[in-house]
C-alpha atoms as a PDB file:
ATOM      1  CA  UNK A   1       0.000   0.000   0.000  1.00  0.00           C
ATOM      2  CA  UNK A   2       2.886   2.348   0.821  1.00  0.00           C
ATOM      3  CA  UNK A   3       4.605   1.474  -2.478  1.00  0.00           C
ATOM      4  CA  UNK A   4       1.426   2.271  -4.431  1.00  0.00           C
ATOM      5  CA  UNK A   5       1.080   5.637  -2.709  1.00  0.00           C
ATOM      6  CA  UNK A   6       4.698   6.602  -3.471  1.00  0.00           C
ATOM      7  CA  UNK A   7       4.215   5.661  -7.146  1.00  0.00           C
ATOM      8  CA  UNK A   8       1.094   7.801  -7.228  1.00  0.00           C
ATOM      9  CA  UNK A   9       2.995  10.791  -5.843  1.00  0.00           C
ATOM     10  CA  UNK A  10       5.855  10.201  -8.331  1.00  0.00           C
ATOM     11  CA  UNK A  11       3.378  10.244 -11.216  1.00  0.00           C
ATOM     12  CA  UNK A  12       1.867  13.469  -9.932  1.00  0.00           C
ATOM     13  CA  UNK A  13       5.351  15.075  -9.662  1.00  0.00           C
ATOM     14  CA  UNK A  14       6.170  14.035 -13.257  1.00  0.00           C
ATOM     15  CA  UNK A  15       2.905  15.469 -14.522  1.00  0.00           C
ATOM     16  CA  UNK A  16       3.546  18.689 -12.585  1.00  0.00           C
ATOM     17  CA  UNK A  17       7.068  18.992 -14.111  1.00  0.00           C
ATOM     18  CA  UNK A  18       5.698  18.305 -17.595  1.00  0.00           C
ATOM     19  CA  UNK A  19       2.962  20.909 -17.177  1.00  0.00           C
ATOM     20  CA  UNK A  20       5.530  23.369 -15.808  1.00  0.00           C
ATOM     21  CA  UNK A  21       7.774  22.832 -18.882  1.00  0.00           C
ATOM     22  CA  UNK A  22       4.831  23.292 -21.257  1.00  0.00           C
ATOM     23  CA  UNK A  23       3.811  26.452 -19.433  1.00  0.00           C
ATOM     24  CA  UNK A  24       7.377  27.825 -19.711  1.00  0.00           C
ATOM     25  CA  UNK A  25       7.427  27.113 -23.471  1.00  0.00           C
ATOM     26  CA  UNK A  26       4.089  28.837 -23.968  1.00  0.00           C
ATOM     27  CA  UNK A  27       5.217  31.865 -21.944  1.00  0.00           C
ATOM     28  CA  UNK A  28       8.370  32.175 -24.094  1.00  0.00           C
ATOM     29  CA  UNK A  29       6.281  31.937 -27.289  1.00  0.00           C
ATOM     30  CA  UNK A  30       3.859  34.537 -25.975  1.00  0.00           C
ATOM     31  CA  UNK A  31       6.736  36.874 -25.079  1.00  0.00           C
ATOM     32  CA  UNK A  32       8.185  36.555 -28.592  1.00  0.00           C
ATOM     33  CA  UNK A  33       4.790  37.251 -30.120  1.00  0.00           C
ATOM     34  CA  UNK A  34       4.337  40.399 -27.993  1.00  0.00           C
ATOM     35  CA  UNK A  35       7.818  41.643 -28.947  1.00  0.00           C
ATOM     36  CA  UNK A  36       7.205  41.167 -32.676  1.00  0.00           C
ATOM     37  CA  UNK A  37       3.794  42.893 -32.420  1.00  0.00           C
ATOM     38  CA  UNK A  38       5.281  45.925 -30.651  1.00  0.00           C
ATOM     39  CA  UNK A  39       7.983  46.208 -33.354  1.00  0.00           C
ATOM     40  CA  UNK A  40       5.389  46.073 -36.141  1.00  0.00           C
ATOM     41  CA  UNK A  41       3.268  48.727 -34.363  1.00  0.00           C
ATOM     42  CA  UNK A  42       6.304  50.998 -34.080  1.00  0.00           C
ATOM     43  CA  UNK A  43       7.051  50.478 -37.777  1.00  0.00           C
ATOM     44  CA  UNK A  44       3.462  51.385 -38.690  1.00  0.00           C
ATOM     45  CA  UNK A  45       3.671  54.541 -36.586  1.00  0.00           C
ATOM     46  CA  UNK A  46       6.919  55.572 -38.255  1.00  0.00           C
ATOM     47  CA  UNK A  47       5.443  54.898 -41.679  1.00  0.00           C
ATOM     48  CA  UNK A  48       2.336  56.998 -40.916  1.00  0.00           C
ATOM     49  CA  UNK A  49       4.520  59.832 -39.638  1.00  0.00           C
ATOM     50  CA  UNK A  50       6.631  59.657 -42.806  1.00  0.00           C
ATOM     51  CA  UNK A  51       3.522  59.833 -45.021  1.00  0.00           C
ATOM     52  CA  UNK A  52       2.225  62.799 -43.029  1.00  0.00           C
ATOM     53  CA  UNK A  53       5.565  64.630 -43.315  1.00  0.00           C
ATOM     54  CA  UNK A  54       5.701  63.983 -47.065  1.00  0.00           C
ATOM     55  CA  UNK A  55       2.181  65.344 -47.565  1.00  0.00           C
ATOM     56  CA  UNK A  56       2.936  68.461 -45.529  1.00  0.00           C
ATOM     57  CA  UNK A  57       6.164  69.008 -47.508  1.00  0.00           C
ATOM     58  CA  UNK A  58       4.246  68.685 -50.780  1.00  0.00           C
ATOM     59  CA  UNK A  59       1.688  71.193 -49.548  1.00  0.00           C
ATOM     60  CA  UNK A  60       4.434  73.673 -48.607  1.00  0.00           C
ATOM     61  CA  UNK A  61       6.062  73.243 -52.046  1.00  0.00           C
ATOM     62  CA  UNK A  62       2.727  73.895 -53.785  1.00  0.00           C
ATOM     63  CA  UNK A  63       2.161  77.030 -51.704  1.00  0.00           C
ATOM     64  CA  UNK A  64       5.658  78.282 -52.534  1.00  0.00           C
ATOM     65  CA  UNK A  65       5.049  77.718 -56.252  1.00  0.00           C
ATOM     66  CA  UNK A  66       1.725  79.588 -56.050  1.00  0.00           C
ATOM     67  CA  UNK A  67       3.294  82.574 -54.317  1.00  0.00           C
ATOM     68  CA  UNK A  68       6.240  82.624 -56.763  1.00  0.00           C
ATOM     69  CA  UNK A  69       3.866  82.578 -59.723  1.00  0.00           C
ATOM     70  CA  UNK A  70       1.776  85.395 -58.255  1.00  0.00           C
ATOM     71  CA  UNK A  71       4.937  87.435 -57.623  1.00  0.00           C
ATOM     72  CA  UNK A  72       6.075  87.102 -61.258  1.00  0.00           C
ATOM     73  CA  UNK A  73       2.601  87.958 -62.508  1.00  0.00           C
ATOM     74  CA  UNK A  74       2.372  91.071 -60.315  1.00  0.00           C
ATOM     75  CA  UNK A  75       5.866  92.111 -61.394  1.00  0.00           C
ATOM     76  CA  UNK A  76       4.893  91.797 -65.073  1.00  0.00           C
ATOM     77  CA  UNK A  77       1.787  93.937 -64.466  1.00  0.00           C
ATOM     78  CA  UNK A  78       3.874  96.548 -62.679  1.00  0.00           C
ATOM     79  CA  UNK A  79       6.413  96.696 -65.538  1.00  0.00           C
ATOM     80  CA  UNK A  80       3.595  97.093 -68.090  1.00  0.00           C
ATOM     81  CA  UNK A  81       2.035  99.938 -66.089  1.00  0.00           C
ATOM     82  CA  UNK A  82       5.408 101.668 -65.708  1.00  0.00           C
ATOM     83  CA  UNK A  83       6.070 101.421 -69.448  1.00  0.00           C
ATOM     84  CA  UNK A  84       2.672 102.916 -70.138  1.00  0.00           C
ATOM     85  CA  UNK A  85       3.363 105.761 -67.694  1.00  0.00           C
ATOM     86  CA  UNK A  86       6.651 106.497 -69.460  1.00  0.00           C
ATOM     87  CA  UNK A  87       4.878 106.408 -72.806  1.00  0.00           C
ATOM     88  CA  UNK A  88       2.154 108.803 -71.691  1.00  0.00           C
ATOM     89  CA  UNK A  89       4.771 111.109 -70.182  1.00  0.00           C
ATOM     90  CA  UNK A  90       6.649 111.297 -73.473  1.00  0.00           C
ATOM     91  CA  UNK A  91       3.357 112.020 -75.305  1.00  0.00           C
ATOM     92  CA  UNK A  92       2.628 114.901 -72.934  1.00  0.00           C
ATOM     93  CA  UNK A  93       6.143 116.192 -73.403  1.00  0.00           C
ATOM     94  CA  UNK A  94       5.752 116.120 -77.189  1.00  0.00           C
ATOM     95  CA  UNK A  95       2.408 117.930 -76.985  1.00  0.00           C
ATOM     96  CA  UNK A  96       3.855 120.627 -74.748  1.00  0.00           C
ATOM     97  CA  UNK A  97       6.850 121.071 -77.030  1.00  0.00           C
ATOM     98  CA  UNK A  98       4.477 121.336 -79.994  1.00  0.00           C
ATOM     99  CA  UNK A  99       2.403 124.005 -78.253  1.00  0.00           C
ATOM    100  CA  UNK A 100       5.480 126.029 -77.422  1.00  0.00           C
ATOM    101  CA  UNK A 101       7.106 125.457 -80.840  1.00  0.00           C
ATOM    102  CA  UNK A 102       6.956 127.446 -84.053  1.00  0.00           C
ATOM    103  CA  UNK A 103       4.142 125.372 -85.575  1.00  0.00           C
ATOM    104  CA  UNK A 104       5.941 124.523 -88.808  1.00  0.00           C
ATOM    105  CA  UNK A 105       4.213 121.841 -90.914  1.00  0.00           C
ATOM    106  CA  UNK A 106       7.169 119.439 -90.794  1.00  0.00           C
ATOM    107  CA  UNK A 107       7.238 119.633 -87.029  1.00  0.00           C
ATOM    108  CA  UNK A 108       3.479 119.078 -86.900  1.00  0.00           C
ATOM    109  CA  UNK A 109       3.725 116.031 -89.168  1.00  0.00           C
ATOM    110  CA  UNK A 110       6.543 114.635 -87.052  1.00  0.00           C
ATOM    111  CA  UNK A 111       4.479 115.084 -83.920  1.00  0.00           C
ATOM    112  CA  UNK A 112       1.479 113.387 -85.501  1.00  0.00           C
ATOM    113  CA  UNK A 113       3.660 110.450 -86.513  1.00  0.00           C
ATOM    114  CA  UNK A 114       5.069 110.211 -82.986  1.00  0.00           C
ATOM    115  CA  UNK A 115       1.601 110.363 -81.508  1.00  0.00           C
ATOM    116  CA  UNK A 116       0.472 107.640 -83.898  1.00  0.00           C
ATOM    117  CA  UNK A 117       3.392 105.454 -82.792  1.00  0.00           C
ATOM    118  CA  UNK A 118       2.585 106.125 -79.157  1.00  0.00           C
ATOM    119  CA  UNK A 119      -1.043 105.156 -79.700  1.00  0.00           C
ATOM    120  CA  UNK A 120       0.008 101.930 -81.402  1.00  0.00           C
ATOM    121  CA  UNK A 121       2.343 101.178 -78.494  1.00  0.00           C
ATOM    122  CA  UNK A 122      -0.499 101.869 -76.063  1.00  0.00           C
ATOM    123  CA  UNK A 123      -2.737  99.494 -77.992  1.00  0.00           C
ATOM    124  CA  UNK A 124      -0.021  96.845 -77.880  1.00  0.00           C
ATOM    125  CA  UNK A 125       0.384  97.320 -74.121  1.00  0.00           C
ATOM    126  CA  UNK A 126      -3.364  96.974 -73.604  1.00  0.00           C
ATOM    127  CA  UNK A 127      -3.398  93.748 -75.632  1.00  0.00           C
ATOM    128  CA  UNK A 128      -0.482  92.418 -73.586  1.00  0.00           C
ATOM    129  CA  UNK A 129      -2.300  93.311 -70.377  1.00  0.00           C
ATOM    130  CA  UNK A 130      -5.423  91.504 -71.578  1.00  0.00           C
ATOM    131  CA  UNK A 131      -3.351  88.444 -72.529  1.00  0.00           C
ATOM    132  CA  UNK A 132      -1.713  88.534 -69.085  1.00  0.00           C
ATOM    133  CA  UNK A 133      -5.174  88.671 -67.515  1.00  0.00           C
ATOM    134  CA  UNK A 134      -6.349  85.701 -69.606  1.00  0.00           C
ATOM    135  CA  UNK A 135      -3.215  83.730 -68.697  1.00  0.00           C
ATOM    136  CA  UNK A 136      -3.831  84.632 -65.064  1.00  0.00           C
ATOM    137  CA  UNK A 137      -7.377  83.314 -65.336  1.00  0.00           C
ATOM    138  CA  UNK A 138      -6.150  80.038 -66.846  1.00  0.00           C
ATOM    139  CA  UNK A 139      -3.486  79.699 -64.158  1.00  0.00           C
ATOM    140  CA  UNK A 140      -6.024  80.350 -61.436  1.00  0.00           C
ATOM    141  CA  UNK A 141      -8.288  77.660 -62.929  1.00  0.00           C
ATOM    142  CA  UNK A 142      -5.443  75.140 -63.011  1.00  0.00           C
ATOM    143  CA  UNK A 143      -4.423  76.104 -59.478  1.00  0.00           C
ATOM    144  CA  UNK A 144      -8.003  75.606 -58.323  1.00  0.00           C
ATOM    145  CA  UNK A 145      -7.962  72.069 -59.733  1.00  0.00           C
ATOM    146  CA  UNK A 146      -4.612  71.401 -58.105  1.00  0.00           C
ATOM    147  CA  UNK A 147      -5.846  72.767 -54.780  1.00  0.00           C
ATOM    148  CA  UNK A 148      -8.934  70.552 -54.997  1.00  0.00           C
ATOM    149  CA  UNK A 149      -6.745  67.483 -55.511  1.00  0.00           C
ATOM    150  CA  UNK A 150      -4.542  68.546 -52.583  1.00  0.00           C
ATOM    151  CA  UNK A 151      -7.653  69.078 -50.471  1.00  0.00           C
ATOM    152  CA  UNK A 152      -8.952  65.595 -51.289  1.00  0.00           C
ATOM    153  CA  UNK A 153      -5.567  64.132 -50.324  1.00  0.00           C
ATOM    154  CA  UNK A 154      -5.561  66.094 -47.090  1.00  0.00           C
ATOM    155  CA  UNK A 155      -9.117  64.941 -46.327  1.00  0.00           C
ATOM    156  CA  UNK A 156      -7.989  61.356 -46.829  1.00  0.00           C
ATOM    157  CA  UNK A 157      -5.087  62.028 -44.490  1.00  0.00           C
ATOM    158  CA  UNK A 158      -7.431  63.633 -41.965  1.00  0.00           C
ATOM    159  CA  UNK A 159      -9.545  60.493 -41.920  1.00  0.00           C
ATOM    160  CA  UNK A 160      -6.425  58.541 -40.918  1.00  0.00           C
ATOM    161  CA  UNK A 161      -5.160  61.164 -38.463  1.00  0.00           C
ATOM    162  CA  UNK A 162      -8.004  62.969 -36.680  1.00  0.00           C
ATOM    163  CA  UNK A 163      -5.534  65.274 -34.915  1.00  0.00           C
ATOM    164  CA  UNK A 164      -4.590  66.811 -38.287  1.00  0.00           C
ATOM    165  CA  UNK A 165      -8.172  67.807 -39.112  1.00  0.00           C
ATOM    166  CA  UNK A 166      -7.981  71.172 -37.348  1.00  0.00           C
ATOM    167  CA  UNK A 167      -4.693  71.980 -39.115  1.00  0.00           C
ATOM    168  CA  UNK A 168      -6.255  71.218 -42.497  1.00  0.00           C
ATOM    169  CA  UNK A 169      -9.228  73.463 -41.735  1.00  0.00           C
ATOM    170  CA  UNK A 170      -6.911  76.327 -40.838  1.00  0.00           C
ATOM    171  CA  UNK A 171      -4.918  75.829 -44.043  1.00  0.00           C
ATOM    172  CA  UNK A 172      -8.117  75.803 -46.122  1.00  0.00           C
ATOM    173  CA  UNK A 173      -9.332  79.023 -44.486  1.00  0.00           C
ATOM    174  CA  UNK A 174      -6.003  80.712 -45.169  1.00  0.00           C
ATOM    175  CA  UNK A 175      -6.070  79.523 -48.808  1.00  0.00           C
ATOM    176  CA  UNK A 176      -9.570  80.868 -49.288  1.00  0.00           C
ATOM    177  CA  UNK A 177      -8.618  84.199 -47.746  1.00  0.00           C
ATOM    178  CA  UNK A 178      -5.477  84.486 -49.912  1.00  0.00           C
ATOM    179  CA  UNK A 179      -7.498  83.688 -53.052  1.00  0.00           C
ATOM    180  CA  UNK A 180     -10.043  86.396 -52.213  1.00  0.00           C
ATOM    181  CA  UNK A 181      -7.325  88.970 -51.536  1.00  0.00           C
ATOM    182  CA  UNK A 182      -5.469  88.066 -54.714  1.00  0.00           C
ATOM    183  CA  UNK A 183      -8.632  88.214 -56.816  1.00  0.00           C
ATOM    184  CA  UNK A 184      -9.490  91.606 -55.351  1.00  0.00           C
ATOM    185  CA  UNK A 185      -6.006  93.010 -56.024  1.00  0.00           C
ATOM    186  CA  UNK A 186      -5.992  91.730 -59.619  1.00  0.00           C
ATOM    187  CA  UNK A 187      -9.496  93.092 -60.232  1.00  0.00           C
ATOM    188  CA  UNK A 188      -8.646  96.542 -58.818  1.00  0.00           C
ATOM    189  CA  UNK A 189      -5.382  96.693 -60.812  1.00  0.00           C
ATOM    190  CA  UNK A 190      -7.186  95.728 -64.029  1.00  0.00           C
ATOM    191  CA  UNK A 191      -9.951  98.301 -63.469  1.00  0.00           C
ATOM    192  CA  UNK A 192      -7.429 101.047 -62.678  1.00  0.00           C
ATOM    193  CA  UNK A 193      -5.356 100.137 -65.724  1.00  0.00           C
ATOM    194  CA  UNK A 194      -8.401 100.227 -68.016  1.00  0.00           C
ATOM    195  CA  UNK A 195      -9.593 103.523 -66.511  1.00  0.00           C
ATOM    196  CA  UNK A 196      -6.149 105.011 -66.992  1.00  0.00           C
ATOM    197  CA  UNK A 197      -5.922 103.694 -70.556  1.00  0.00           C
ATOM    198  CA  UNK A 198      -9.200 105.256 -71.677  1.00  0.00           C
ATOM    199  CA  UNK A 199      -8.704 108.669 -70.030  1.00  0.00           C
END
């Protein structure tokens, strides 16, 4: 009876050791699984951050290109207006010199020819200004399409990163405000240029 009891306890000890070994193996496997999952989560976070940084960089580049284009366009308008001012100043100077001159027919003919040339130059400047305005309209249309595509990309990004949503809304408000200001400036400059050309 004592021998049977000792065998029973030996069997229980062996089963306990076997269960302990299996438990250790499962704990090691679980630890490895947790480690690999944390590494993959960190990689996903880094990848999302990289995508976000690339999108923000692209947005900054597009804004810089828009502002550079607007600067060149405004500079071209300014140069055209300055040339027209110089032209009108020379016309006034010729008229004043004609009024104070002797009034000889050759001088009068020369002045008429100069005035005709000045008028042709003014017409050419007006046509150039109109072509600049048309090109500006086309560029604004293309920029609007580009901004819509950027906005759709940013909305997609905002769905993935809710914290970015407020930043995107602020950027959109600033874009809209800049577009309104730019449109107002271009409209006022065009109206002033046309008023000056026909007076």
